[in-house]
C-alpha atoms as a PDB file:
ATOM      1  CA  MET A   1     -30.031   2.657 -91.702  1.00  0.00           C
ATOM      2  CA  SER A   2     -26.575   3.752 -90.366  1.00  0.00           C
ATOM      3  CA  ALA A   3     -26.070   4.750 -86.818  1.00  0.00           C
ATOM      4  CA  VAL A   4     -25.239   8.406 -86.389  1.00  0.00           C
ATOM      5  CA  THR A   5     -21.748   9.431 -85.110  1.00  0.00           C
ATOM      6  CA  MET A   6     -21.564  11.821 -82.022  1.00  0.00           C
ATOM      7  CA  SER A   7     -19.693  13.980 -84.236  1.00  0.00           C
ATOM      8  CA  GLU A   8     -22.133  13.907 -87.286  1.00  0.00           C
ATOM      9  CA  ALA A   9     -24.836  15.014 -84.753  1.00  0.00           C
ATOM     10  CA  THR A  10     -23.036  17.807 -83.314  1.00  0.00           C
ATOM     11  CA  GLU A  11     -22.372  18.852 -86.887  1.00  0.00           C
ATOM     12  CA  THR A  12     -25.818  18.945 -87.836  1.00  0.00           C
ATOM     13  CA  SER A  13     -27.062  20.558 -84.593  1.00  0.00           C
ATOM     14  CA  THR A  14     -24.963  23.347 -85.154  1.00  0.00           C
ATOM     15  CA  ARG A  15     -25.809  24.033 -88.878  1.00  0.00           C
ATOM     16  CA  THR A  16     -29.465  24.239 -87.431  1.00  0.00           C
ATOM     17  CA  LYS A  17     -28.643  26.545 -84.906  1.00  0.00           C
ATOM     18  CA  ALA A  18     -26.552  28.836 -87.381  1.00  0.00           C
ATOM     19  CA  ARG A  19     -29.491  28.844 -89.946  1.00  0.00           C
ATOM     20  CA  ALA A  20     -31.814  29.721 -87.283  1.00  0.00           C
ATOM     21  CA  THR A  21     -29.965  32.572 -85.919  1.00  0.00           C
ATOM     22  CA  SER A  22     -28.213  33.911 -89.146  1.00  0.00           C
ATOM     23  CA  PRO A  23     -30.052  36.776 -91.213  1.00  0.00           C
ATOM     24  CA  GLY A  24     -29.637  34.730 -94.679  1.00  0.00           C
ATOM     25  CA  TRP A  25     -26.558  36.149 -96.112  1.00  0.00           C
ATOM     26  CA  THR A  26     -23.633  38.074 -94.636  1.00  0.00           C
ATOM     27  CA  PHE A  27     -21.038  40.427 -96.458  1.00  0.00           C
ATOM     28  CA  LEU A  28     -18.141  38.186 -95.969  1.00  0.00           C
ATOM     29  CA  THR A  29     -17.927  34.401 -96.933  1.00  0.00           C
ATOM     30  CA  ASN A  30     -16.931  31.536 -94.614  1.00  0.00           C
ATOM     31  CA  HIS A  31     -13.471  31.897 -95.837  1.00  0.00           C
ATOM     32  CA  GLY A  32     -13.628  35.399 -94.514  1.00  0.00           C
ATOM     33  CA  HIS A  33     -15.137  34.609 -91.162  1.00  0.00           C
ATOM     34  CA  VAL A  34     -12.589  31.966 -90.591  1.00  0.00           C
ATOM     35  CA  LEU A  35      -9.393  34.101 -91.428  1.00  0.00           C
ATOM     36  CA  LEU A  36     -10.899  36.522 -88.984  1.00  0.00           C
ATOM     37  CA  CYS A  37     -11.476  34.386 -86.153  1.00  0.00           C
ATOM     38  CA  LEU A  38      -8.011  33.327 -86.207  1.00  0.00           C
ATOM     39  CA  ALA A  39      -6.542  36.718 -86.778  1.00  0.00           C
ATOM     40  CA  SER A  40      -7.670  37.179 -83.346  1.00  0.00           C
ATOM     41  CA  ASP A  41      -7.506  33.609 -81.857  1.00  0.00           C
ATOM     42  CA  SER A  42      -4.563  31.705 -83.418  1.00  0.00           C
ATOM     43  CA  ARG A  43      -5.254  28.571 -81.289  1.00  0.00           C
ATOM     44  CA  LEU A  44      -8.655  27.938 -81.969  1.00  0.00           C
ATOM     45  CA  THR A  45      -9.596  24.385 -82.937  1.00  0.00           C
ATOM     46  CA  MET A  46     -11.494  23.257 -85.805  1.00  0.00           C
ATOM     47  CA  ARG A  47     -14.614  22.487 -83.498  1.00  0.00           C
ATOM     48  CA  GLU A  48     -14.225  26.106 -81.835  1.00  0.00           C
ATOM     49  CA  LEU A  49     -14.156  27.739 -85.422  1.00  0.00           C
ATOM     50  CA  ALA A  50     -16.789  25.487 -86.564  1.00  0.00           C
ATOM     51  CA  LEU A  51     -19.213  26.808 -83.574  1.00  0.00           C
ATOM     52  CA  LYS A  52     -18.261  30.687 -83.947  1.00  0.00           C
ATOM     53  CA  VAL A  53     -18.823  30.457 -88.027  1.00  0.00           C
ATOM     54  CA  GLY A  54     -21.699  28.491 -87.659  1.00  0.00           C
ATOM     55  CA  ILE A  55     -20.527  26.035 -90.104  1.00  0.00           C
ATOM     56  CA  THR A  56     -19.668  22.138 -89.691  1.00  0.00           C
ATOM     57  CA  GLU A  57     -15.778  21.090 -88.732  1.00  0.00           C
ATOM     58  CA  ARG A  58     -15.348  19.366 -92.147  1.00  0.00           C
ATOM     59  CA  ALA A  59     -16.011  22.788 -93.937  1.00  0.00           C
ATOM     60  CA  VAL A  60     -13.748  24.702 -91.602  1.00  0.00           C
ATOM     61  CA  GLN A  61     -10.860  21.923 -92.363  1.00  0.00           C
ATOM     62  CA  GLY A  62     -11.657  22.367 -96.125  1.00  0.00           C
ATOM     63  CA  ILE A  63     -11.751  26.229 -95.593  1.00  0.00           C
ATOM     64  CA  VAL A  64      -8.281  26.306 -93.341  1.00  0.00           C
ATOM     65  CA  ALA A  65      -6.720  24.188 -96.183  1.00  0.00           C
ATOM     66  CA  ASP A  66      -7.838  26.710 -99.045  1.00  0.00           C
ATOM     67  CA  LEU A  67      -6.477  29.686 -96.873  1.00  0.00           C
ATOM     68  CA  VAL A  68      -3.089  27.677 -96.080  1.00  0.00           C
ATOM     69  CA  GLU A  69      -2.858  26.575 -99.743  1.00  0.00           C
ATOM     70  CA  GLY A  70      -3.172  30.180-100.683  1.00  0.00           C
ATOM     71  CA  GLY A  71      -0.845  31.358 -98.518  1.00  0.00           C
ATOM     72  CA  TYR A  72      -2.893  33.161 -96.287  1.00  0.00           C
ATOM     73  CA  LEU A  73      -2.478  31.437 -93.456  1.00  0.00           C
ATOM     74  CA  THR A  74       0.353  29.413 -92.016  1.00  0.00           C
ATOM     75  CA  ARG A  75      -0.059  26.547 -89.792  1.00  0.00           C
ATOM     76  CA  ALA A  76       2.641  25.403 -86.956  1.00  0.00           C
ATOM     77  CA  LYS A  77       2.097  22.441 -84.453  1.00  0.00           C
ATOM     78  CA  VAL A  78       2.206  24.035 -81.094  1.00  0.00           C
ATOM     79  CA  GLY A  79       2.212  20.819 -78.576  1.00  0.00           C
ATOM     80  CA  ARG A  80      -1.049  18.857 -79.358  1.00  0.00           C
ATOM     81  CA  ARG A  81      -2.803  21.786 -81.347  1.00  0.00           C
ATOM     82  CA  ASN A  82      -1.990  23.596 -84.573  1.00  0.00           C
ATOM     83  CA  SER A  83      -1.366  27.330 -84.329  1.00  0.00           C
ATOM     84  CA  TYR A  84      -1.591  29.484 -87.350  1.00  0.00           C
ATOM     85  CA  THR A  85      -0.444  32.844 -88.211  1.00  0.00           C
ATOM     86  CA  VAL A  86      -2.209  35.417 -91.063  1.00  0.00           C
ATOM     87  CA  ASN A  87      -0.317  36.507 -93.801  1.00  0.00           C
ATOM     88  CA  ALA A  88      -1.382  40.339 -93.140  1.00  0.00           C
ATOM     89  CA  GLN A  89       0.163  41.168 -96.911  1.00  0.00           C
ATOM     90  CA  GLY A  90      -1.848  38.564 -98.651  1.00  0.00           C
ATOM     91  CA  ARG A  91      -4.226  40.625-101.282  1.00  0.00           C
ATOM     92  CA  LEU A  92      -7.798  40.017-101.566  1.00  0.00           C
ATOM     93  CA  ARG A  93      -8.791  37.706-104.010  1.00  0.00           C
ATOM     94  CA  HIS A  94     -11.879  39.503-105.993  1.00  0.00           C
ATOM     95  CA  PRO A  95     -10.514  41.958-108.525  1.00  0.00           C
ATOM     96  CA  LEU A  96     -12.624  44.634-107.095  1.00  0.00           C
ATOM     97  CA  GLU A  97     -10.609  44.439-103.758  1.00  0.00           C
ATOM     98  CA  ALA A  98      -7.397  43.371-105.133  1.00  0.00           C
ATOM     99  CA  ASP A  99      -5.972  46.480-104.306  1.00  0.00           C
ATOM    100  CA  HIS A 100      -6.459  45.729-100.639  1.00  0.00           C
ATOM    101  CA  THR A 101      -4.846  43.467 -98.150  1.00  0.00           C
ATOM    102  CA  VAL A 102      -6.000  40.860 -95.436  1.00  0.00           C
ATOM    103  CA  GLY A 103      -4.392  43.061 -92.838  1.00  0.00           C
ATOM    104  CA  ALA A 104      -6.080  45.943 -93.938  1.00  0.00           C
ATOM    105  CA  LEU A 105      -9.611  44.011 -93.745  1.00  0.00           C
ATOM    106  CA  ILE A 106      -9.083  42.626 -90.447  1.00  0.00           C
ATOM    107  CA  ASP A 107      -8.015  46.121 -89.032  1.00  0.00           C
ATOM    108  CA  ALA A 108     -10.861  47.834 -90.569  1.00  0.00           C
ATOM    109  CA  LEU A 109     -13.371  45.220 -88.692  1.00  0.00           C
ATOM    110  CA  ALA A 110     -11.313  45.231 -85.712  1.00  0.00           C
ATOM    111  CA  ASP A 111     -11.743  49.117 -85.496  1.00  0.00           C
ATOM    112  CA  ALA A 112     -15.144  48.418 -85.829  1.00  0.00           C
ATOM    113  CA  ASP A 113     -15.192  46.268 -83.025  1.00  0.00           C
ATOM    114  CA  ARG A 114     -13.432  49.026 -80.653  1.00  0.00           C
ATOM    115  CA  THR A 115     -15.446  51.924 -81.356  1.00  0.00           C
END
C-alpha cells in the first residue's frame, strides 16, 4: 500500500467537503466557475481556485489549460505567480448560447452579486 501525500489528502478532503455542501448539480460547469473566479481575482493560485470551486488542484490545472488553449484566458508570469486575463469577447461554446460573450456572462453574474 502506498503512502498518501499531503497534497492528495488535501484534494480528497476538498472533494469530500464540496460534495457535502453542494446541491448535487449547478447551472454552470466547473469551467464556468473557474473562469468567473479568475475574472474576479486574476491572481488566484490553483489551490485557491480548487478550494473555491470545490474540485481538485489537478482538475483546476486541466480546466485552466483548456481555457488558455481555447483563447478564453491568457496567462502571464508575475514574479513567482501566474496572473490571468479573461478574454471578454470570447463566445460561449454551446450553440444555444453562441450569440453571447464570456464578458456578458461575467457582467450578468456580477450584476446579480451587486443587487
